[in-house]
Protein backbone atom coordinates (compact mmCIF):
# COMPACT_ATOMS: atom_id res chain seq x y z
CA MET A 1 -31.19 -27.75 -68.44
CA ASN A 2 -33.12 -31.03 -67.44
CA PHE A 3 -35.28 -31.02 -64.60
CA GLU A 4 -33.46 -33.67 -62.72
CA GLU A 5 -30.02 -31.41 -63.03
CA HIS A 6 -32.12 -28.21 -62.38
CA ILE A 7 -33.30 -29.66 -58.89
CA LYS A 8 -29.73 -30.86 -58.24
CA HIS A 9 -28.68 -27.38 -58.58
CA ILE A 10 -31.45 -26.14 -56.60
CA THR A 11 -30.45 -28.24 -53.73
CA SER A 12 -26.67 -27.32 -54.15
CA ILE A 13 -27.21 -23.59 -53.92
CA LYS A 14 -27.02 -22.43 -50.39
CA ASN A 15 -29.72 -20.94 -49.12
CA ASP A 16 -29.58 -16.91 -49.21
CA THR A 17 -32.54 -16.30 -46.71
CA PRO A 18 -31.85 -14.80 -43.48
CA ASN A 19 -31.90 -17.10 -40.30
CA GLU A 20 -34.02 -15.34 -37.71
CA ILE A 21 -32.95 -17.80 -35.14
CA GLY A 22 -29.14 -17.94 -35.62
CA PHE A 23 -29.09 -14.19 -36.36
CA LEU A 24 -30.63 -13.49 -32.77
CA ASP A 25 -28.29 -15.49 -31.01
CA ARG A 26 -25.43 -14.13 -32.56
CA LEU A 27 -26.51 -10.58 -31.90
CA HIS A 28 -27.21 -11.47 -28.15
CA LEU A 29 -23.94 -13.25 -28.08
CA ARG A 30 -22.20 -10.31 -29.01
CA ARG A 31 -23.85 -7.90 -26.78
CA GLU A 32 -23.24 -9.93 -23.83
CA ASN A 33 -19.56 -10.23 -24.87
CA GLU A 34 -19.44 -6.26 -24.98
CA MET A 35 -21.35 -5.84 -21.69
CA LEU A 36 -18.72 -8.15 -20.34
CA LYS A 37 -15.86 -6.47 -21.51
CA LYS A 38 -17.52 -3.31 -20.19
CA HIS A 39 -17.74 -4.77 -16.69
CA ARG A 40 -14.25 -6.22 -16.70
CA VAL A 41 -12.84 -2.98 -17.48
CA MET A 42 -14.73 -1.09 -14.97
CA THR A 43 -14.03 -3.56 -12.00
CA SER A 44 -10.05 -3.60 -13.11
CA VAL A 45 -10.37 0.38 -12.92
CA ALA A 46 -11.95 0.19 -9.46
CA ALA A 47 -9.89 -2.68 -7.85
CA PHE A 48 -6.68 -0.61 -9.12
CA GLY A 49 -8.15 2.75 -7.60
CA LEU A 50 -9.05 0.75 -4.40
CA ILE A 51 -5.64 -0.77 -4.31
CA LEU A 52 -3.42 2.41 -4.93
CA LEU A 53 -5.49 4.09 -2.36
CA THR A 54 -5.13 1.56 0.39
CA GLY A 55 -1.31 1.24 -0.67
CA LEU A 56 -0.76 5.33 -0.26
CA LEU A 57 -2.78 5.65 2.69
CA THR A 58 -0.76 2.57 4.50
CA PHE A 59 2.66 3.89 3.05
CA SER A 60 1.94 7.72 4.11
CA ARG A 61 0.70 6.00 7.66
CA LEU A 62 3.58 3.66 8.45
CA ASP A 63 5.93 6.71 7.41
CA ASN A 64 4.60 8.56 10.11
CA ILE A 65 4.76 6.02 12.74
CA SER A 66 8.45 4.96 11.83
CA GLU A 67 9.69 8.60 12.25
CA ASN A 68 7.98 8.78 15.52
CA TYR A 69 9.16 5.36 16.70
CA ALA A 70 12.57 5.86 15.86
CA THR A 71 12.97 9.21 17.71
CA GLU A 72 10.87 7.94 20.76
CA ASN A 73 13.08 4.71 20.79
CA ALA A 74 16.48 6.61 19.94
CA ASN A 75 15.78 9.35 22.84
CA GLU A 76 14.79 6.74 24.86
CA ILE A 77 17.86 4.37 24.73
CA ASP A 78 19.98 7.55 25.01
CA ASN A 79 18.54 8.44 28.18
CA VAL A 80 19.20 4.65 29.64
CA TYR A 81 22.50 4.76 28.35
CA ILE A 82 23.41 7.91 29.91
CA ASP A 83 21.74 7.12 33.20
CA GLU A 84 23.91 3.79 33.42
CA LEU A 85 26.84 5.74 32.18
CA ALA A 86 25.99 8.48 35.09
CA LEU A 87 26.14 5.57 37.48
CA SER A 88 29.38 3.90 36.20
CA LEU A 89 31.00 7.21 36.64
CA LEU A 90 30.19 7.84 40.03
CA ASP A 91 31.02 4.36 40.83
CA TYR A 92 34.59 5.03 39.34
CA ASP A 93 35.02 8.82 40.59
CA GLU A 94 33.21 9.94 43.46
CA ASP A 95 33.17 13.61 42.27
CA VAL A 96 29.72 14.21 41.84
CA TRP A 97 30.15 17.74 40.52
CA SER A 98 32.67 16.21 37.55
CA VAL A 99 29.72 13.89 36.23
CA VAL A 100 27.42 16.63 36.46
CA GLU A 101 29.57 18.94 34.51
CA PHE A 102 30.06 15.87 31.85
CA LEU A 103 26.24 15.07 32.04
CA ASP A 104 25.58 18.95 31.25
CA GLU A 105 27.95 18.91 28.41
CA VAL A 106 25.57 16.01 26.89
CA ASN A 107 22.23 17.75 27.58
CA HIS A 108 20.74 15.11 30.05
CA GLU A 109 17.65 16.58 30.88
CA PRO A 110 17.10 14.86 34.38
CA ILE A 111 20.54 16.55 35.38
CA LEU A 112 19.64 20.18 33.54
CA THR A 113 16.26 20.36 35.62
CA ILE A 114 18.12 19.46 38.78
CA VAL A 115 20.56 21.92 38.13
CA GLU A 116 17.84 24.66 36.95
CA ALA A 117 15.88 23.92 40.21
CA SER A 118 18.96 24.62 42.61
CA ILE A 119 19.41 28.05 40.80
């Protein structure tokens, strides 16, 4: 081998010595990516738990409210309807006792209290 060919051969061979700066940069980049992945997973789990907890509490709260509201509203509508029905029955038929008997059959509270008070 000739000296010039030897120099060309040496320059064409890759340098196998480790590059400290490149190695540290790749190491720090890999560690940052791993830490970022861990933070993303923890944040996702915390957000999922918070959303799930909020949803369950809201659902249970709204479920109780809707049942109470429906029964209270239905009772109020029934009472108003029966009061108007009693007034229209009194206008149609002046026999008060037949209206009282009818309202007693449908268990209308104001009439029951009046009847029980008179007993």
